[in-house]
Amino acid sequence: MKLANNIKKVAREHGTNIKEISCQLGVRPNNLSRTINNPNITYTDLQKIASAIGCGIEEFFTVDKVNNVINCDCPTCGEHLDISISVKITPSKKR
């Protein structure tokens, strides 16, 4: 699943949407949509979006908690990636 779809899904799970997030960030909804669909989205942008939603960045990715691997697709070529890292997941507060 594309990162943009994951971001929208997480936003819905937290009771918000792109329009509300864009208001919190002070940007137009179409600019935020362009940002989340950009294959070169920055870590800083992900942090800002996650903060506006009230979640952690890790919620935008599928995490294999047993093997500490993030499963995602390369935004440029679409190739599936398994990224091994140390992940600390803390529950976010639901609104």
PDB file of N, CA and C in Angstrom:
ATOM      1  N   MET A   1       0.846  -1.188   0.000  1.00  0.00           N
ATOM      2  CA  MET A   1       0.000   0.000   0.000  1.00  0.00           C
ATOM      3  C   MET A   1       0.885   1.243   0.000  1.00  0.00           C
ATOM      4  N   LYS A   2       0.495   2.218  -0.762  1.00  0.00           N
ATOM      5  CA  LYS A   2       1.281   3.440  -0.841  1.00  0.00           C
ATOM      6  C   LYS A   2       1.265   4.180   0.489  1.00  0.00           C
ATOM      7  N   LEU A   3       2.334   4.892   0.743  1.00  0.00           N
ATOM      8  CA  LEU A   3       2.459   5.662   1.975  1.00  0.00           C
ATOM      9  C   LEU A   3       1.309   6.649   2.127  1.00  0.00           C
ATOM     10  N   ALA A   4       0.918   7.317   1.048  1.00  0.00           N
ATOM     11  CA  ALA A   4      -0.181   8.289   1.118  1.00  0.00           C
ATOM     12  C   ALA A   4      -1.458   7.625   1.610  1.00  0.00           C
ATOM     13  N   ASN A   5      -1.733   6.424   1.114  1.00  0.00           N
ATOM     14  CA  ASN A   5      -2.922   5.693   1.565  1.00  0.00           C
ATOM     15  C   ASN A   5      -2.820   5.343   3.045  1.00  0.00           C
ATOM     16  N   ASN A   6      -1.621   4.970   3.482  1.00  0.00           N
ATOM     17  CA  ASN A   6      -1.426   4.656   4.894  1.00  0.00           C
ATOM     18  C   ASN A   6      -1.655   5.882   5.761  1.00  0.00           C
ATOM     19  N   ILE A   7      -1.161   7.031   5.333  1.00  0.00           N
ATOM     20  CA  ILE A   7      -1.338   8.270   6.090  1.00  0.00           C
ATOM     21  C   ILE A   7      -2.823   8.594   6.209  1.00  0.00           C
ATOM     22  N   LYS A   8      -3.558   8.500   5.107  1.00  0.00           N
ATOM     23  CA  LYS A   8      -4.995   8.779   5.124  1.00  0.00           C
ATOM     24  C   LYS A   8      -5.732   7.795   6.024  1.00  0.00           C
ATOM     25  N   LYS A   9      -5.326   6.531   5.978  1.00  0.00           N
ATOM     26  CA  LYS A   9      -5.956   5.501   6.811  1.00  0.00           C
ATOM     27  C   LYS A   9      -5.729   5.800   8.295  1.00  0.00           C
ATOM     28  N   VAL A  10      -4.500   6.130   8.651  1.00  0.00           N
ATOM     29  CA  VAL A  10      -4.171   6.455  10.041  1.00  0.00           C
ATOM     30  C   VAL A  10      -4.948   7.694  10.483  1.00  0.00           C
ATOM     31  N   ALA A  11      -5.042   8.683   9.606  1.00  0.00           N
ATOM     32  CA  ALA A  11      -5.799   9.898   9.932  1.00  0.00           C
ATOM     33  C   ALA A  11      -7.255   9.546  10.239  1.00  0.00           C
ATOM     34  N   ARG A  12      -7.871   8.714   9.394  1.00  0.00           N
ATOM     35  CA  ARG A  12      -9.262   8.295   9.635  1.00  0.00           C
ATOM     36  C   ARG A  12      -9.398   7.569  10.964  1.00  0.00           C
ATOM     37  N   GLU A  13      -8.422   6.694  11.260  1.00  0.00           N
ATOM     38  CA  GLU A  13      -8.454   5.944  12.519  1.00  0.00           C
ATOM     39  C   GLU A  13      -8.378   6.873  13.730  1.00  0.00           C
ATOM     40  N   HIS A  14      -7.769   8.036  13.547  1.00  0.00           N
ATOM     41  CA  HIS A  14      -7.637   9.011  14.617  1.00  0.00           C
ATOM     42  C   HIS A  14      -8.722  10.090  14.543  1.00  0.00           C
ATOM     43  N   GLY A  15      -9.711   9.868  13.676  1.00  0.00           N
ATOM     44  CA  GLY A  15     -10.860  10.761  13.602  1.00  0.00           C
ATOM     45  C   GLY A  15     -10.610  12.085  12.912  1.00  0.00           C
ATOM     46  N   THR A  16      -9.684  12.100  11.973  1.00  0.00           N
ATOM     47  CA  THR A  16      -9.395  13.338  11.254  1.00  0.00           C
ATOM     48  C   THR A  16      -9.249  13.049   9.764  1.00  0.00           C
ATOM     49  N   ASN A  17      -8.985  14.078   8.994  1.00  0.00           N
ATOM     50  CA  ASN A  17      -8.825  13.911   7.553  1.00  0.00           C
ATOM     51  C   ASN A  17      -7.829  14.952   7.031  1.00  0.00           C
ATOM     52  N   ILE A  18      -7.553  14.878   5.746  1.00  0.00           N
ATOM     53  CA  ILE A  18      -6.558  15.755   5.125  1.00  0.00           C
ATOM     54  C   ILE A  18      -6.928  17.225   5.303  1.00  0.00           C
ATOM     55  N   LYS A  19      -8.200  17.557   5.171  1.00  0.00           N
ATOM     56  CA  LYS A  19      -8.618  18.953   5.301  1.00  0.00           C
ATOM     57  C   LYS A  19      -8.322  19.482   6.706  1.00  0.00           C
ATOM     58  N   GLU A  20      -8.653  18.699   7.734  1.00  0.00           N
ATOM     59  CA  GLU A  20      -8.401  19.131   9.112  1.00  0.00           C
ATOM     60  C   GLU A  20      -6.908  19.201   9.418  1.00  0.00           C
ATOM     61  N   ILE A  21      -6.151  18.239   8.904  1.00  0.00           N
ATOM     62  CA  ILE A  21      -4.697  18.246   9.112  1.00  0.00           C
ATOM     63  C   ILE A  21      -4.078  19.470   8.445  1.00  0.00           C
ATOM     64  N   SER A  22      -4.528  19.773   7.234  1.00  0.00           N
ATOM     65  CA  SER A  22      -3.978  20.929   6.520  1.00  0.00           C
ATOM     66  C   SER A  22      -4.269  22.225   7.280  1.00  0.00           C
ATOM     67  N   CYS A  23      -5.445  22.323   7.896  1.00  0.00           N
ATOM     68  CA  CYS A  23      -5.759  23.511   8.711  1.00  0.00           C
ATOM     69  C   CYS A  23      -4.790  23.626   9.882  1.00  0.00           C
ATOM     70  N   GLN A  24      -4.518  22.523  10.550  1.00  0.00           N
ATOM     71  CA  GLN A  24      -3.584  22.530  11.683  1.00  0.00           C
ATOM     72  C   GLN A  24      -2.184  22.932  11.248  1.00  0.00           C
ATOM     73  N   LEU A  25      -1.797  22.513  10.050  1.00  0.00           N
ATOM     74  CA  LEU A  25      -0.451  22.796   9.557  1.00  0.00           C
ATOM     75  C   LEU A  25      -0.357  24.146   8.852  1.00  0.00           C
ATOM     76  N   GLY A  26      -1.501  24.782   8.590  1.00  0.00           N
ATOM     77  CA  GLY A  26      -1.495  26.077   7.922  1.00  0.00           C
ATOM     78  C   GLY A  26      -1.174  26.000   6.442  1.00  0.00           C
ATOM     79  N   VAL A  27      -1.588  24.891   5.805  1.00  0.00           N
ATOM     80  CA  VAL A  27      -1.380  24.739   4.363  1.00  0.00           C
ATOM     81  C   VAL A  27      -2.712  24.393   3.705  1.00  0.00           C
ATOM     82  N   ARG A  28      -2.781  24.545   2.415  1.00  0.00           N
ATOM     83  CA  ARG A  28      -3.994  24.183   1.678  1.00  0.00           C
ATOM     84  C   ARG A  28      -4.085  22.666   1.548  1.00  0.00           C
ATOM     85  N   PRO A  29      -5.318  22.128   1.568  1.00  0.00           N
ATOM     86  CA  PRO A  29      -5.483  20.673   1.450  1.00  0.00           C
ATOM     87  C   PRO A  29      -4.817  20.079   0.208  1.00  0.00           C
ATOM     88  N   ASN A  30      -4.907  20.782  -0.937  1.00  0.00           N
ATOM     89  CA  ASN A  30      -4.283  20.231  -2.153  1.00  0.00           C
ATOM     90  C   ASN A  30      -2.758  20.201  -2.032  1.00  0.00           C
ATOM     91  N   ASN A  31      -2.171  21.169  -1.309  1.00  0.00           N
ATOM     92  CA  ASN A  31      -0.716  21.146  -1.106  1.00  0.00           C
ATOM     93  C   ASN A  31      -0.317  19.998  -0.188  1.00  0.00           C
ATOM     94  N   LEU A  32      -1.118  19.734   0.844  1.00  0.00           N
ATOM     95  CA  LEU A  32      -0.824  18.602   1.728  1.00  0.00           C
ATOM     96  C   LEU A  32      -0.957  17.290   0.964  1.00  0.00           C
ATOM     97  N   SER A  33      -1.989  17.178   0.145  1.00  0.00           N
ATOM     98  CA  SER A  33      -2.147  15.964  -0.670  1.00  0.00           C
ATOM     99  C   SER A  33      -0.950  15.760  -1.586  1.00  0.00           C
ATOM    100  N   ARG A  34      -0.476  16.851  -2.191  1.00  0.00           N
ATOM    101  CA  ARG A  34       0.700  16.773  -3.053  1.00  0.00           C
ATOM    102  C   ARG A  34       1.920  16.303  -2.252  1.00  0.00           C
ATOM    103  N   THR A  35       2.051  16.820  -1.031  1.00  0.00           N
ATOM    104  CA  THR A  35       3.184  16.449  -0.183  1.00  0.00           C
ATOM    105  C   THR A  35       3.152  14.968   0.158  1.00  0.00           C
ATOM    106  N   ILE A  36       1.986  14.450   0.582  1.00  0.00           N
ATOM    107  CA  ILE A  36       1.951  13.041   0.998  1.00  0.00           C
ATOM    108  C   ILE A  36       2.048  12.084  -0.182  1.00  0.00           C
ATOM    109  N   ASN A  37       1.730  12.561  -1.385  1.00  0.00           N
ATOM    110  CA  ASN A  37       1.867  11.720  -2.578  1.00  0.00           C
ATOM    111  C   ASN A  37       3.244  11.836  -3.225  1.00  0.00           C
ATOM    112  N   ASN A  38       4.070  12.749  -2.718  1.00  0.00           N
ATOM    113  CA  ASN A  38       5.400  12.957  -3.271  1.00  0.00           C
ATOM    114  C   ASN A  38       6.315  11.799  -2.866  1.00  0.00           C
ATOM    115  N   PRO A  39       6.942  11.121  -3.829  1.00  0.00           N
ATOM    116  CA  PRO A  39       7.831  10.020  -3.473  1.00  0.00           C
ATOM    117  C   PRO A  39       9.048  10.465  -2.672  1.00  0.00           C
ATOM    118  N   ASN A  40       9.317  11.774  -2.652  1.00  0.00           N
ATOM    119  CA  ASN A  40      10.458  12.293  -1.903  1.00  0.00           C
ATOM    120  C   ASN A  40      10.026  13.017  -0.630  1.00  0.00           C
ATOM    121  N   ILE A  41       8.917  12.579  -0.029  1.00  0.00           N
ATOM    122  CA  ILE A  41       8.442  13.202   1.204  1.00  0.00           C
ATOM    123  C   ILE A  41       9.546  13.124   2.253  1.00  0.00           C
ATOM    124  N   THR A  42       9.710  14.191   3.005  1.00  0.00           N
ATOM    125  CA  THR A  42      10.800  14.244   3.971  1.00  0.00           C
ATOM    126  C   THR A  42      10.367  13.707   5.333  1.00  0.00           C
ATOM    127  N   TYR A  43      11.360  13.347   6.098  1.00  0.00           N
ATOM    128  CA  TYR A  43      11.119  12.900   7.468  1.00  0.00           C
ATOM    129  C   TYR A  43      10.458  14.021   8.269  1.00  0.00           C
ATOM    130  N   THR A  44      10.889  15.249   8.037  1.00  0.00           N
ATOM    131  CA  THR A  44      10.313  16.404   8.734  1.00  0.00           C
ATOM    132  C   THR A  44       8.835  16.550   8.411  1.00  0.00           C
ATOM    133  N   ASP A  45       8.473  16.393   7.137  1.00  0.00           N
ATOM    134  CA  ASP A  45       7.057  16.467   6.755  1.00  0.00           C
ATOM    135  C   ASP A  45       6.266  15.340   7.419  1.00  0.00           C
ATOM    136  N   LEU A  46       6.830  14.142   7.449  1.00  0.00           N
ATOM    137  CA  LEU A  46       6.149  13.024   8.115  1.00  0.00           C
ATOM    138  C   LEU A  46       5.943  13.320   9.594  1.00  0.00           C
ATOM    139  N   GLN A  47       6.950  13.919  10.233  1.00  0.00           N
ATOM    140  CA  GLN A  47       6.834  14.284  11.651  1.00  0.00           C
ATOM    141  C   GLN A  47       5.711  15.292  11.869  1.00  0.00           C
ATOM    142  N   LYS A  48       5.642  16.319  11.025  1.00  0.00           N
ATOM    143  CA  LYS A  48       4.610  17.343  11.156  1.00  0.00           C
ATOM    144  C   LYS A  48       3.214  16.743  10.972  1.00  0.00           C
ATOM    145  N   ILE A  49       3.068  15.884   9.979  1.00  0.00           N
ATOM    146  CA  ILE A  49       1.773  15.260   9.711  1.00  0.00           C
ATOM    147  C   ILE A  49       1.381  14.355  10.868  1.00  0.00           C
ATOM    148  N   ALA A  50       2.321  13.553  11.343  1.00  0.00           N
ATOM    149  CA  ALA A  50       2.048  12.657  12.469  1.00  0.00           C
ATOM    150  C   ALA A  50       1.651  13.454  13.707  1.00  0.00           C
ATOM    151  N   SER A  51       2.332  14.545  13.955  1.00  0.00           N
ATOM    152  CA  SER A  51       2.022  15.394  15.101  1.00  0.00           C
ATOM    153  C   SER A  51       0.615  15.968  14.988  1.00  0.00           C
ATOM    154  N   ALA A  52       0.254  16.419  13.789  1.00  0.00           N
ATOM    155  CA  ALA A  52      -1.086  16.979  13.575  1.00  0.00           C
ATOM    156  C   ALA A  52      -2.168  15.918  13.767  1.00  0.00           C
ATOM    157  N   ILE A  53      -1.857  14.679  13.397  1.00  0.00           N
ATOM    158  CA  ILE A  53      -2.813  13.585  13.573  1.00  0.00           C
ATOM    159  C   ILE A  53      -2.873  13.161  15.036  1.00  0.00           C
ATOM    160  N   GLY A  54      -1.735  13.266  15.718  1.00  0.00           N
ATOM    161  CA  GLY A  54      -1.655  12.797  17.098  1.00  0.00           C
ATOM    162  C   GLY A  54      -1.174  11.362  17.173  1.00  0.00           C
ATOM    163  N   CYS A  55      -0.231  11.031  16.287  1.00  0.00           N
ATOM    164  CA  CYS A  55       0.301   9.665  16.251  1.00  0.00           C
ATOM    165  C   CYS A  55       1.807   9.721  16.036  1.00  0.00           C
ATOM    166  N   GLY A  56       2.430   8.570  15.985  1.00  0.00           N
ATOM    167  CA  GLY A  56       3.845   8.469  15.667  1.00  0.00           C
ATOM    168  C   GLY A  56       4.024   8.098  14.203  1.00  0.00           C
ATOM    169  N   ILE A  57       5.163   8.436  13.660  1.00  0.00           N
ATOM    170  CA  ILE A  57       5.450   8.134  12.249  1.00  0.00           C
ATOM    171  C   ILE A  57       5.335   6.636  11.955  1.00  0.00           C
ATOM    172  N   GLU A  58       5.700   5.813  12.945  1.00  0.00           N
ATOM    173  CA  GLU A  58       5.680   4.365  12.707  1.00  0.00           C
ATOM    174  C   GLU A  58       4.300   3.846  12.333  1.00  0.00           C
ATOM    175  N   GLU A  59       3.246   4.585  12.690  1.00  0.00           N
ATOM    176  CA  GLU A  59       1.893   4.152  12.332  1.00  0.00           C
ATOM    177  C   GLU A  59       1.636   4.226  10.834  1.00  0.00           C
ATOM    178  N   PHE A  60       2.466   4.973  10.099  1.00  0.00           N
ATOM    179  CA  PHE A  60       2.306   5.086   8.655  1.00  0.00           C
ATOM    180  C   PHE A  60       2.871   3.873   7.919  1.00  0.00           C
ATOM    181  N   PHE A  61       3.553   3.002   8.641  1.00  0.00           N
ATOM    182  CA  PHE A  61       4.211   1.847   8.035  1.00  0.00           C
ATOM    183  C   PHE A  61       3.721   0.562   8.690  1.00  0.00           C
ATOM    184  N   THR A  62       3.824  -0.545   7.961  1.00  0.00           N
ATOM    185  CA  THR A  62       3.516  -1.853   8.514  1.00  0.00           C
ATOM    186  C   THR A  62       4.766  -2.356   9.212  1.00  0.00           C
ATOM    187  N   VAL A  63       4.635  -2.679  10.499  1.00  0.00           N
ATOM    188  CA  VAL A  63       5.789  -3.116  11.281  1.00  0.00           C
ATOM    189  C   VAL A  63       5.597  -4.564  11.696  1.00  0.00           C
ATOM    190  N   ASP A  64       6.581  -5.401  11.377  1.00  0.00           N
ATOM    191  CA  ASP A  64       6.630  -6.780  11.849  1.00  0.00           C
ATOM    192  C   ASP A  64       7.288  -6.728  13.217  1.00  0.00           C
ATOM    193  N   LYS A  65       6.474  -6.756  14.272  1.00  0.00           N
ATOM    194  CA  LYS A  65       6.987  -6.571  15.630  1.00  0.00           C
ATOM    195  C   LYS A  65       7.874  -7.725  16.085  1.00  0.00           C
ATOM    196  N   VAL A  66       7.675  -8.898  15.525  1.00  0.00           N
ATOM    197  CA  VAL A  66       8.484 -10.059  15.909  1.00  0.00           C
ATOM    198  C   VAL A  66       9.917  -9.897  15.430  1.00  0.00           C
ATOM    199  N   ASN A  67      10.076  -9.463  14.180  1.00  0.00           N
ATOM    200  CA  ASN A  67      11.409  -9.354  13.585  1.00  0.00           C
ATOM    201  C   ASN A  67      11.946  -7.928  13.558  1.00  0.00           C
ATOM    202  N   ASN A  68      11.199  -6.958  14.108  1.00  0.00           N
ATOM    203  CA  ASN A  68      11.584  -5.543  14.074  1.00  0.00           C
ATOM    204  C   ASN A  68      11.931  -5.092  12.662  1.00  0.00           C
ATOM    205  N   VAL A  69      10.992  -5.317  11.745  1.00  0.00           N
ATOM    206  CA  VAL A  69      11.185  -4.964  10.345  1.00  0.00           C
ATOM    207  C   VAL A  69      10.011  -4.095   9.905  1.00  0.00           C
ATOM    208  N   ILE A  70      10.323  -3.007   9.219  1.00  0.00           N
ATOM    209  CA  ILE A  70       9.280  -2.185   8.606  1.00  0.00           C
ATOM    210  C   ILE A  70       9.109  -2.683   7.181  1.00  0.00           C
ATOM    211  N   ASN A  71       7.871  -2.966   6.808  1.00  0.00           N
ATOM    212  CA  ASN A  71       7.556  -3.406   5.454  1.00  0.00           C
ATOM    213  C   ASN A  71       7.006  -2.215   4.689  1.00  0.00           C
ATOM    214  N   CYS A  72       7.621  -1.884   3.569  1.00  0.00           N
ATOM    215  CA  CYS A  72       7.130  -0.766   2.760  1.00  0.00           C
ATOM    216  C   CYS A  72       7.562  -0.972   1.316  1.00  0.00           C
ATOM    217  N   ASP A  73       7.072  -0.110   0.457  1.00  0.00           N
ATOM    218  CA  ASP A  73       7.443  -0.149  -0.948  1.00  0.00           C
ATOM    219  C   ASP A  73       8.260   1.094  -1.274  1.00  0.00           C
ATOM    220  N   CYS A  74       9.249   0.923  -2.130  1.00  0.00           N
ATOM    221  CA  CYS A  74      10.055   2.053  -2.569  1.00  0.00           C
ATOM    222  C   CYS A  74       9.145   3.035  -3.295  1.00  0.00           C
ATOM    223  N   PRO A  75       9.132   4.315  -2.886  1.00  0.00           N
ATOM    224  CA  PRO A  75       8.257   5.282  -3.535  1.00  0.00           C
ATOM    225  C   PRO A  75       8.651   5.601  -4.973  1.00  0.00           C
ATOM    226  N   THR A  76       9.875   5.271  -5.362  1.00  0.00           N
ATOM    227  CA  THR A  76      10.335   5.572  -6.709  1.00  0.00           C
ATOM    228  C   THR A  76      10.054   4.430  -7.674  1.00  0.00           C
ATOM    229  N   CYS A  77      10.487   3.212  -7.317  1.00  0.00           N
ATOM    230  CA  CYS A  77      10.348   2.090  -8.252  1.00  0.00           C
ATOM    231  C   CYS A  77       9.256   1.106  -7.872  1.00  0.00           C
ATOM    232  N   GLY A  78       8.753   1.189  -6.633  1.00  0.00           N
ATOM    233  CA  GLY A  78       7.680   0.301  -6.201  1.00  0.00           C
ATOM    234  C   GLY A  78       8.151  -1.033  -5.658  1.00  0.00           C
ATOM    235  N   GLU A  79       9.471  -1.267  -5.642  1.00  0.00           N
ATOM    236  CA  GLU A  79      10.001  -2.527  -5.139  1.00  0.00           C
ATOM    237  C   GLU A  79       9.724  -2.657  -3.639  1.00  0.00           C
ATOM    238  N   HIS A  80       9.350  -3.860  -3.205  1.00  0.00           N
ATOM    239  CA  HIS A  80       9.062  -4.094  -1.785  1.00  0.00           C
ATOM    240  C   HIS A  80      10.362  -4.066  -0.984  1.00  0.00           C
ATOM    241  N   LEU A  81      10.322  -3.390   0.168  1.00  0.00           N
ATOM    242  CA  LEU A  81      11.494  -3.271   1.033  1.00  0.00           C
ATOM    243  C   LEU A  81      11.151  -3.761   2.436  1.00  0.00           C
ATOM    244  N   ASP A  82      12.060  -4.465   3.044  1.00  0.00           N
ATOM    245  CA  ASP A  82      11.982  -4.812   4.456  1.00  0.00           C
ATOM    246  C   ASP A  82      13.150  -4.111   5.121  1.00  0.00           C
ATOM    247  N   ILE A  83      12.860  -3.145   5.972  1.00  0.00           N
ATOM    248  CA  ILE A  83      13.900  -2.339   6.600  1.00  0.00           C
ATOM    249  C   ILE A  83      14.023  -2.765   8.055  1.00  0.00           C
ATOM    250  N   SER A  84      15.182  -3.312   8.409  1.00  0.00           N
ATOM    251  CA  SER A  84      15.416  -3.744   9.777  1.00  0.00           C
ATOM    252  C   SER A  84      15.925  -2.587  10.611  1.00  0.00           C
ATOM    253  N   ILE A  85      15.188  -2.279  11.661  1.00  0.00           N
ATOM    254  CA  ILE A  85      15.600  -1.232  12.583  1.00  0.00           C
ATOM    255  C   ILE A  85      15.085  -1.577  13.971  1.00  0.00           C
ATOM    256  N   SER A  86      15.548  -0.858  14.926  1.00  0.00           N
ATOM    257  CA  SER A  86      15.023  -0.995  16.274  1.00  0.00           C
ATOM    258  C   SER A  86      13.858  -0.023  16.407  1.00  0.00           C
ATOM    259  N   VAL A  87      12.681  -0.545  16.710  1.00  0.00           N
ATOM    260  CA  VAL A  87      11.480   0.269  16.765  1.00  0.00           C
ATOM    261  C   VAL A  87      10.881   0.215  18.159  1.00  0.00           C
ATOM    262  N   LYS A  88      10.591   1.379  18.700  1.00  0.00           N
ATOM    263  CA  LYS A  88       9.875   1.458  19.970  1.00  0.00           C
ATOM    264  C   LYS A  88       8.491   1.995  19.656  1.00  0.00           C
ATOM    265  N   ILE A  89       7.481   1.165  19.850  1.00  0.00           N
ATOM    266  CA  ILE A  89       6.120   1.567  19.541  1.00  0.00           C
ATOM    267  C   ILE A  89       5.392   1.858  20.850  1.00  0.00           C
ATOM    268  N   THR A  90       4.855   3.061  20.928  1.00  0.00           N
ATOM    269  CA  THR A  90       4.060   3.434  22.083  1.00  0.00           C
ATOM    270  C   THR A  90       2.647   3.725  21.602  1.00  0.00           C
ATOM    271  N   PRO A  91       1.663   3.292  22.338  1.00  0.00           N
ATOM    272  CA  PRO A  91       0.281   3.527  21.900  1.00  0.00           C
ATOM    273  C   PRO A  91      -0.022   5.018  21.842  1.00  0.00           C
ATOM    274  N   SER A  92      -0.730   5.417  20.816  1.00  0.00           N
ATOM    275  CA  SER A  92      -1.132   6.817  20.714  1.00  0.00           C
ATOM    276  C   SER A  92      -2.488   6.977  21.374  1.00  0.00           C
ATOM    277  N   LYS A  93      -2.779   8.189  21.763  1.00  0.00           N
ATOM    278  CA  LYS A  93      -4.060   8.470  22.400  1.00  0.00           C
ATOM    279  C   LYS A  93      -5.106   8.712  21.319  1.00  0.00           C
ATOM    280  N   LYS A  94      -6.189   7.963  21.372  1.00  0.00           N
ATOM    281  CA  LYS A  94      -7.301   8.155  20.434  1.00  0.00           C
ATOM    282  C   LYS A  94      -8.076   9.386  20.845  1.00  0.00           C
ATOM    283  N   ARG A  95      -8.577  10.088  19.856  1.00  0.00           N
ATOM    284  CA  ARG A  95      -9.389  11.274  20.152  1.00  0.00           C
ATOM    285  C   ARG A  95     -10.791  10.880  20.448  1.00  0.00           C
TER     286      ARG A  95
END
